[in-house]
């Protein structure tokens, strides 16, 4: 495996660890859920970019998970694909507070919804690691 791919995987792991810390802190203090979901998005984005690098493809400077997945050309199951589609829009709200969050699905940043995103992210990362290993 290329060392740069390993770095992307490590950074994805760091984002996942950060998401878990924020979630735990959020449960104790009643906040930080939005930031935890944002870091889940970042972990998936970095794993998708690791796949692209591993495939010797150009890595665009974009944050759309659905587009990045399409660029990899990998085929994944519907449940993983749906999770990526659902997590993709969460890049914007924590970054741009003046942008309206127009989700195609109902979402509220709370313990239960964040826990679902964390679980889905773990599954997505495992799926993407299989494409590299």
N, C-alpha and C. Protein backbone atom coordinates (compact mmCIF):
# COMPACT_ATOMS: atom_id res chain seq x y z
N UNK A 1 0.85 -1.18 0.00
CA UNK A 1 0.00 0.00 0.00
C UNK A 1 0.89 1.24 0.00
N UNK A 2 0.48 2.23 -0.76
CA UNK A 2 1.22 3.49 -0.85
C UNK A 2 1.18 4.21 0.49
N UNK A 3 2.28 4.84 0.86
CA UNK A 3 2.33 5.53 2.14
C UNK A 3 1.34 6.69 2.21
N UNK A 4 1.08 7.35 1.07
CA UNK A 4 0.11 8.45 1.08
C UNK A 4 -1.30 7.92 1.35
N UNK A 5 -1.60 6.74 0.86
CA UNK A 5 -2.90 6.12 1.13
C UNK A 5 -3.02 5.84 2.63
N UNK A 6 -1.95 5.35 3.21
CA UNK A 6 -1.95 5.08 4.65
C UNK A 6 -2.19 6.36 5.44
N UNK A 7 -1.62 7.47 4.98
CA UNK A 7 -1.84 8.76 5.67
C UNK A 7 -3.30 9.18 5.60
N UNK A 8 -3.92 9.01 4.44
CA UNK A 8 -5.34 9.36 4.31
C UNK A 8 -6.19 8.49 5.23
N UNK A 9 -5.85 7.20 5.31
CA UNK A 9 -6.59 6.30 6.19
C UNK A 9 -6.40 6.71 7.65
N UNK A 10 -5.18 7.07 8.01
CA UNK A 10 -4.92 7.51 9.38
C UNK A 10 -5.71 8.78 9.71
N UNK A 11 -5.73 9.73 8.78
CA UNK A 11 -6.48 10.96 9.01
C UNK A 11 -7.98 10.67 9.12
N UNK A 12 -8.47 9.72 8.33
CA UNK A 12 -9.88 9.33 8.44
C UNK A 12 -10.15 8.75 9.83
N UNK A 13 -9.22 7.93 10.31
CA UNK A 13 -9.35 7.38 11.66
C UNK A 13 -9.34 8.46 12.73
N UNK A 14 -8.52 9.48 12.53
CA UNK A 14 -8.50 10.60 13.47
C UNK A 14 -9.84 11.33 13.50
N UNK A 15 -10.43 11.51 12.32
CA UNK A 15 -11.75 12.16 12.27
C UNK A 15 -12.80 11.31 12.95
N UNK A 16 -12.71 10.00 12.77
CA UNK A 16 -13.68 9.10 13.42
C UNK A 16 -13.52 9.16 14.94
N UNK A 17 -12.28 9.18 15.41
CA UNK A 17 -12.02 9.28 16.85
C UNK A 17 -12.55 10.61 17.39
N UNK A 18 -12.37 11.67 16.63
CA UNK A 18 -12.87 12.98 17.04
C UNK A 18 -14.39 12.97 17.11
N UNK A 19 -15.03 12.34 16.13
CA UNK A 19 -16.49 12.24 16.13
C UNK A 19 -16.98 11.51 17.38
N UNK A 20 -16.29 10.44 17.74
CA UNK A 20 -16.68 9.68 18.93
C UNK A 20 -16.52 10.51 20.20
N UNK A 21 -15.42 11.26 20.29
CA UNK A 21 -15.21 12.13 21.45
C UNK A 21 -16.30 13.20 21.54
N UNK A 22 -16.61 13.81 20.41
CA UNK A 22 -17.65 14.84 20.40
C UNK A 22 -19.01 14.26 20.77
N UNK A 23 -19.28 13.07 20.29
CA UNK A 23 -20.55 12.42 20.62
C UNK A 23 -20.63 12.16 22.12
N UNK A 24 -19.59 11.60 22.67
CA UNK A 24 -19.56 11.32 24.11
C UNK A 24 -19.72 12.61 24.91
N UNK A 25 -18.98 13.64 24.50
CA UNK A 25 -19.09 14.93 25.19
C UNK A 25 -20.49 15.51 25.01
N UNK A 26 -21.02 15.38 23.81
CA UNK A 26 -22.37 15.88 23.54
C UNK A 26 -23.42 15.22 24.39
N UNK A 27 -23.25 13.93 24.62
CA UNK A 27 -24.22 13.22 25.47
C UNK A 27 -24.17 13.74 26.90
N UNK A 28 -22.97 14.09 27.34
CA UNK A 28 -22.83 14.58 28.71
C UNK A 28 -23.29 16.02 28.86
N UNK A 29 -23.03 16.82 27.82
CA UNK A 29 -23.27 18.26 27.92
C UNK A 29 -24.47 18.74 27.09
N UNK A 30 -25.01 17.87 26.23
CA UNK A 30 -26.18 18.25 25.45
C UNK A 30 -25.85 19.03 24.18
N UNK A 31 -24.65 18.94 23.68
CA UNK A 31 -24.30 19.61 22.43
C UNK A 31 -23.17 18.84 21.75
N UNK A 32 -22.67 19.36 20.70
CA UNK A 32 -21.55 18.80 19.93
C UNK A 32 -21.98 17.73 18.94
N UNK A 33 -23.27 17.48 18.80
CA UNK A 33 -23.72 16.46 17.86
C UNK A 33 -23.45 16.86 16.41
N UNK A 34 -23.72 18.11 16.08
CA UNK A 34 -23.49 18.57 14.71
C UNK A 34 -22.02 18.41 14.34
N UNK A 35 -21.13 18.75 15.24
CA UNK A 35 -19.69 18.62 14.98
C UNK A 35 -19.30 17.14 14.85
N UNK A 36 -19.93 16.27 15.61
CA UNK A 36 -19.64 14.84 15.51
C UNK A 36 -20.03 14.33 14.12
N UNK A 37 -21.20 14.73 13.64
CA UNK A 37 -21.65 14.31 12.31
C UNK A 37 -20.72 14.88 11.24
N UNK A 38 -20.29 16.11 11.42
CA UNK A 38 -19.35 16.72 10.47
C UNK A 38 -18.07 15.88 10.38
N UNK A 39 -17.55 15.44 11.51
CA UNK A 39 -16.32 14.64 11.49
C UNK A 39 -16.57 13.25 10.90
N UNK A 40 -17.78 12.74 11.02
CA UNK A 40 -18.11 11.50 10.32
C UNK A 40 -18.01 11.73 8.81
N UNK A 41 -18.57 12.84 8.36
CA UNK A 41 -18.47 13.20 6.94
C UNK A 41 -17.01 13.27 6.52
N UNK A 42 -16.19 13.92 7.33
CA UNK A 42 -14.77 14.07 7.00
C UNK A 42 -14.06 12.72 6.93
N UNK A 43 -14.40 11.82 7.83
CA UNK A 43 -13.78 10.49 7.83
C UNK A 43 -14.12 9.75 6.54
N UNK A 44 -15.38 9.81 6.13
CA UNK A 44 -15.80 9.15 4.89
C UNK A 44 -15.13 9.80 3.69
N UNK A 45 -15.10 11.12 3.67
CA UNK A 45 -14.46 11.84 2.56
C UNK A 45 -13.00 11.41 2.41
N UNK A 46 -12.29 11.34 3.51
CA UNK A 46 -10.88 10.97 3.46
C UNK A 46 -10.70 9.52 3.02
N UNK A 47 -11.59 8.63 3.43
CA UNK A 47 -11.50 7.25 2.97
C UNK A 47 -11.78 7.15 1.48
N UNK A 48 -12.75 7.89 0.98
CA UNK A 48 -13.03 7.88 -0.45
C UNK A 48 -11.83 8.41 -1.24
N UNK A 49 -11.18 9.43 -0.71
CA UNK A 49 -10.00 9.98 -1.37
C UNK A 49 -8.83 8.99 -1.30
N UNK A 50 -8.75 8.23 -0.22
CA UNK A 50 -7.72 7.19 -0.13
C UNK A 50 -7.95 6.13 -1.21
N UNK A 51 -9.21 5.77 -1.44
CA UNK A 51 -9.53 4.81 -2.49
C UNK A 51 -9.10 5.36 -3.84
N UNK A 52 -9.41 6.62 -4.10
CA UNK A 52 -9.02 7.24 -5.38
C UNK A 52 -7.50 7.22 -5.56
N UNK A 53 -6.78 7.58 -4.53
CA UNK A 53 -5.31 7.58 -4.61
C UNK A 53 -4.80 6.17 -4.85
N UNK A 54 -5.38 5.21 -4.17
CA UNK A 54 -4.99 3.82 -4.34
C UNK A 54 -5.24 3.34 -5.77
N UNK A 55 -6.24 3.92 -6.42
CA UNK A 55 -6.56 3.59 -7.81
C UNK A 55 -5.75 4.41 -8.81
N UNK A 56 -4.83 5.23 -8.29
CA UNK A 56 -4.03 6.13 -9.14
C UNK A 56 -4.89 7.12 -9.92
N UNK A 57 -5.96 7.56 -9.27
CA UNK A 57 -6.85 8.55 -9.88
C UNK A 57 -6.60 9.91 -9.24
N UNK A 58 -6.98 10.94 -9.96
CA UNK A 58 -6.86 12.30 -9.43
C UNK A 58 -7.86 12.48 -8.30
N UNK A 59 -7.43 13.21 -7.28
CA UNK A 59 -8.30 13.49 -6.14
C UNK A 59 -8.78 14.93 -6.23
N UNK A 60 -10.06 15.12 -6.57
CA UNK A 60 -10.56 16.49 -6.68
C UNK A 60 -10.74 17.13 -5.31
N UNK A 61 -10.65 18.41 -5.26
CA UNK A 61 -10.84 19.13 -4.00
C UNK A 61 -12.33 19.47 -3.86
N UNK A 62 -13.08 18.40 -3.65
CA UNK A 62 -14.52 18.53 -3.43
C UNK A 62 -14.88 17.79 -2.15
N UNK A 63 -16.10 18.04 -1.68
CA UNK A 63 -16.54 17.44 -0.42
C UNK A 63 -17.82 16.62 -0.58
N UNK A 64 -18.32 16.51 -1.80
CA UNK A 64 -19.54 15.77 -2.07
C UNK A 64 -19.23 14.28 -2.07
N UNK A 65 -19.71 13.59 -1.04
CA UNK A 65 -19.41 12.17 -0.89
C UNK A 65 -19.98 11.33 -2.02
N UNK A 66 -21.14 11.69 -2.49
CA UNK A 66 -21.77 10.94 -3.58
C UNK A 66 -20.92 11.05 -4.84
N UNK A 67 -20.46 12.24 -5.14
CA UNK A 67 -19.61 12.45 -6.32
C UNK A 67 -18.28 11.71 -6.17
N UNK A 68 -17.67 11.78 -4.99
CA UNK A 68 -16.41 11.07 -4.76
C UNK A 68 -16.59 9.57 -4.93
N UNK A 69 -17.68 9.04 -4.40
CA UNK A 69 -17.96 7.61 -4.55
C UNK A 69 -18.07 7.26 -6.03
N UNK A 70 -18.79 8.08 -6.79
CA UNK A 70 -18.94 7.82 -8.23
C UNK A 70 -17.59 7.81 -8.93
N UNK A 71 -16.70 8.70 -8.54
CA UNK A 71 -15.38 8.77 -9.16
C UNK A 71 -14.55 7.52 -8.89
N UNK A 72 -14.80 6.85 -7.76
CA UNK A 72 -14.05 5.62 -7.47
C UNK A 72 -14.47 4.49 -8.39
N UNK A 73 -15.71 4.52 -8.82
CA UNK A 73 -16.21 3.45 -9.68
C UNK A 73 -16.52 2.16 -8.95
N UNK A 74 -16.40 2.16 -7.62
CA UNK A 74 -16.67 0.92 -6.89
C UNK A 74 -18.17 0.71 -6.72
N UNK A 75 -18.54 -0.53 -6.64
CA UNK A 75 -19.94 -0.91 -6.44
C UNK A 75 -20.11 -1.32 -4.99
N UNK A 76 -21.04 -0.68 -4.32
CA UNK A 76 -21.30 -0.99 -2.92
C UNK A 76 -22.78 -1.33 -2.77
N UNK A 77 -23.12 -1.95 -1.65
CA UNK A 77 -24.52 -2.31 -1.46
C UNK A 77 -25.39 -1.08 -1.23
N UNK A 78 -26.68 -1.24 -1.45
CA UNK A 78 -27.62 -0.12 -1.38
C UNK A 78 -27.63 0.57 -0.02
N UNK A 79 -27.54 -0.20 1.03
CA UNK A 79 -27.59 0.38 2.38
C UNK A 79 -26.40 1.32 2.62
N UNK A 80 -25.21 0.89 2.21
CA UNK A 80 -24.01 1.73 2.36
C UNK A 80 -24.14 2.96 1.46
N UNK A 81 -24.61 2.74 0.24
CA UNK A 81 -24.80 3.85 -0.70
C UNK A 81 -25.78 4.88 -0.13
N UNK A 82 -26.90 4.40 0.41
CA UNK A 82 -27.90 5.30 0.99
C UNK A 82 -27.32 6.08 2.17
N UNK A 83 -26.51 5.42 2.98
CA UNK A 83 -25.88 6.10 4.12
C UNK A 83 -24.96 7.22 3.63
N UNK A 84 -24.19 6.95 2.59
CA UNK A 84 -23.31 7.98 2.04
C UNK A 84 -24.14 9.16 1.52
N UNK A 85 -25.23 8.87 0.83
CA UNK A 85 -26.10 9.93 0.34
C UNK A 85 -26.68 10.76 1.48
N UNK A 86 -27.03 10.10 2.57
CA UNK A 86 -27.63 10.81 3.72
C UNK A 86 -26.61 11.64 4.49
N UNK A 87 -25.37 11.20 4.53
CA UNK A 87 -24.34 11.92 5.30
C UNK A 87 -23.73 13.05 4.48
N UNK A 88 -23.73 12.94 3.18
CA UNK A 88 -23.07 13.93 2.31
C UNK A 88 -23.47 15.39 2.58
N UNK A 89 -24.74 15.70 2.76
CA UNK A 89 -25.12 17.11 2.96
C UNK A 89 -24.62 17.73 4.27
N UNK A 90 -24.14 16.91 5.18
CA UNK A 90 -23.76 17.42 6.50
C UNK A 90 -22.42 18.15 6.52
N UNK A 91 -21.82 18.32 5.37
CA UNK A 91 -20.59 19.10 5.29
C UNK A 91 -20.88 20.59 5.49
N UNK A 92 -22.01 21.04 5.00
CA UNK A 92 -22.28 22.48 4.95
C UNK A 92 -22.68 23.16 6.27
N UNK A 93 -23.64 22.63 7.03
CA UNK A 93 -24.10 23.39 8.21
C UNK A 93 -23.00 23.78 9.22
N UNK A 94 -22.07 22.89 9.56
CA UNK A 94 -21.06 23.31 10.53
C UNK A 94 -20.04 24.29 9.94
N UNK A 95 -19.89 24.29 8.63
CA UNK A 95 -18.91 25.16 7.98
C UNK A 95 -19.46 26.54 7.65
N UNK A 96 -20.73 26.57 7.26
CA UNK A 96 -21.33 27.81 6.76
C UNK A 96 -22.63 28.09 7.49
N UNK A 97 -22.58 28.79 8.61
CA UNK A 97 -23.78 28.98 9.43
C UNK A 97 -24.86 29.82 8.74
N UNK A 98 -24.49 30.54 7.69
CA UNK A 98 -25.49 31.36 7.01
C UNK A 98 -26.19 30.62 5.88
N UNK A 99 -25.78 29.38 5.63
CA UNK A 99 -26.44 28.58 4.60
C UNK A 99 -27.58 27.79 5.20
N UNK A 100 -28.69 27.78 4.49
CA UNK A 100 -29.82 26.99 4.95
C UNK A 100 -29.55 25.53 4.63
N UNK A 101 -29.82 24.67 5.58
CA UNK A 101 -29.61 23.24 5.40
C UNK A 101 -30.85 22.66 4.77
N UNK A 102 -30.73 22.32 3.49
CA UNK A 102 -31.86 21.76 2.76
C UNK A 102 -31.65 20.27 2.60
N UNK A 103 -32.09 19.55 3.57
CA UNK A 103 -31.93 18.10 3.54
C UNK A 103 -33.10 17.47 2.83
N UNK A 104 -32.84 16.37 2.15
CA UNK A 104 -33.92 15.63 1.50
C UNK A 104 -34.56 14.64 2.48
N UNK A 105 -34.08 14.64 3.69
CA UNK A 105 -34.61 13.74 4.70
C UNK A 105 -34.68 14.51 6.01
N UNK A 106 -35.63 14.16 6.89
CA UNK A 106 -35.71 14.86 8.17
C UNK A 106 -34.51 14.51 9.05
N UNK A 107 -33.88 15.52 9.60
CA UNK A 107 -32.73 15.26 10.45
C UNK A 107 -32.66 16.31 11.54
N UNK A 108 -32.45 15.85 12.75
CA UNK A 108 -32.25 16.73 13.89
C UNK A 108 -30.98 16.26 14.59
N UNK A 109 -30.09 17.20 14.90
CA UNK A 109 -28.84 16.83 15.57
C UNK A 109 -29.11 16.55 17.03
N UNK A 110 -29.23 15.27 17.35
CA UNK A 110 -29.44 14.85 18.72
C UNK A 110 -28.70 13.53 18.95
N UNK A 111 -28.79 13.03 20.13
CA UNK A 111 -28.05 11.82 20.49
C UNK A 111 -28.41 10.63 19.59
N UNK A 112 -29.69 10.40 19.40
CA UNK A 112 -30.14 9.24 18.64
C UNK A 112 -29.70 9.32 17.16
N UNK A 113 -29.93 10.47 16.53
CA UNK A 113 -29.57 10.60 15.11
C UNK A 113 -28.06 10.57 14.92
N UNK A 114 -27.33 11.15 15.83
CA UNK A 114 -25.87 11.16 15.74
C UNK A 114 -25.33 9.75 15.92
N UNK A 115 -25.91 9.01 16.82
CA UNK A 115 -25.48 7.62 17.03
C UNK A 115 -25.70 6.80 15.77
N UNK A 116 -26.80 7.04 15.06
CA UNK A 116 -27.05 6.33 13.80
C UNK A 116 -25.99 6.68 12.75
N UNK A 117 -25.64 7.97 12.68
CA UNK A 117 -24.61 8.40 11.71
C UNK A 117 -23.26 7.77 12.07
N UNK A 118 -22.93 7.74 13.35
CA UNK A 118 -21.67 7.12 13.77
C UNK A 118 -21.62 5.65 13.37
N UNK A 119 -22.70 4.94 13.60
CA UNK A 119 -22.77 3.52 13.25
C UNK A 119 -22.63 3.33 11.74
N UNK A 120 -23.34 4.13 10.98
CA UNK A 120 -23.27 4.04 9.52
C UNK A 120 -21.87 4.36 9.02
N UNK A 121 -21.23 5.36 9.62
CA UNK A 121 -19.88 5.76 9.22
C UNK A 121 -18.89 4.63 9.45
N UNK A 122 -19.00 3.96 10.56
CA UNK A 122 -18.11 2.82 10.84
C UNK A 122 -18.26 1.75 9.76
N UNK A 123 -19.49 1.47 9.36
CA UNK A 123 -19.74 0.46 8.32
C UNK A 123 -19.18 0.92 6.97
N UNK A 124 -19.36 2.19 6.66
CA UNK A 124 -18.85 2.74 5.40
C UNK A 124 -17.33 2.64 5.36
N UNK A 125 -16.68 3.01 6.45
CA UNK A 125 -15.22 2.96 6.50
C UNK A 125 -14.71 1.53 6.32
N UNK A 126 -15.36 0.57 6.96
CA UNK A 126 -14.97 -0.83 6.79
C UNK A 126 -15.12 -1.27 5.34
N UNK A 127 -16.21 -0.87 4.72
CA UNK A 127 -16.47 -1.21 3.32
C UNK A 127 -15.38 -0.62 2.42
N UNK A 128 -15.02 0.64 2.66
CA UNK A 128 -14.01 1.31 1.83
C UNK A 128 -12.62 0.74 2.07
N UNK A 129 -12.33 0.35 3.31
CA UNK A 129 -11.02 -0.26 3.59
C UNK A 129 -10.85 -1.55 2.81
N UNK A 130 -11.92 -2.29 2.63
CA UNK A 130 -11.85 -3.55 1.87
C UNK A 130 -11.46 -3.27 0.42
N UNK A 131 -11.81 -2.10 -0.08
CA UNK A 131 -11.45 -1.75 -1.46
C UNK A 131 -9.96 -1.46 -1.60
N UNK A 132 -9.33 -1.11 -0.49
CA UNK A 132 -7.90 -0.75 -0.51
C UNK A 132 -7.03 -1.94 -0.15
N UNK A 133 -7.46 -2.72 0.81
CA UNK A 133 -6.62 -3.81 1.33
C UNK A 133 -6.54 -4.98 0.38
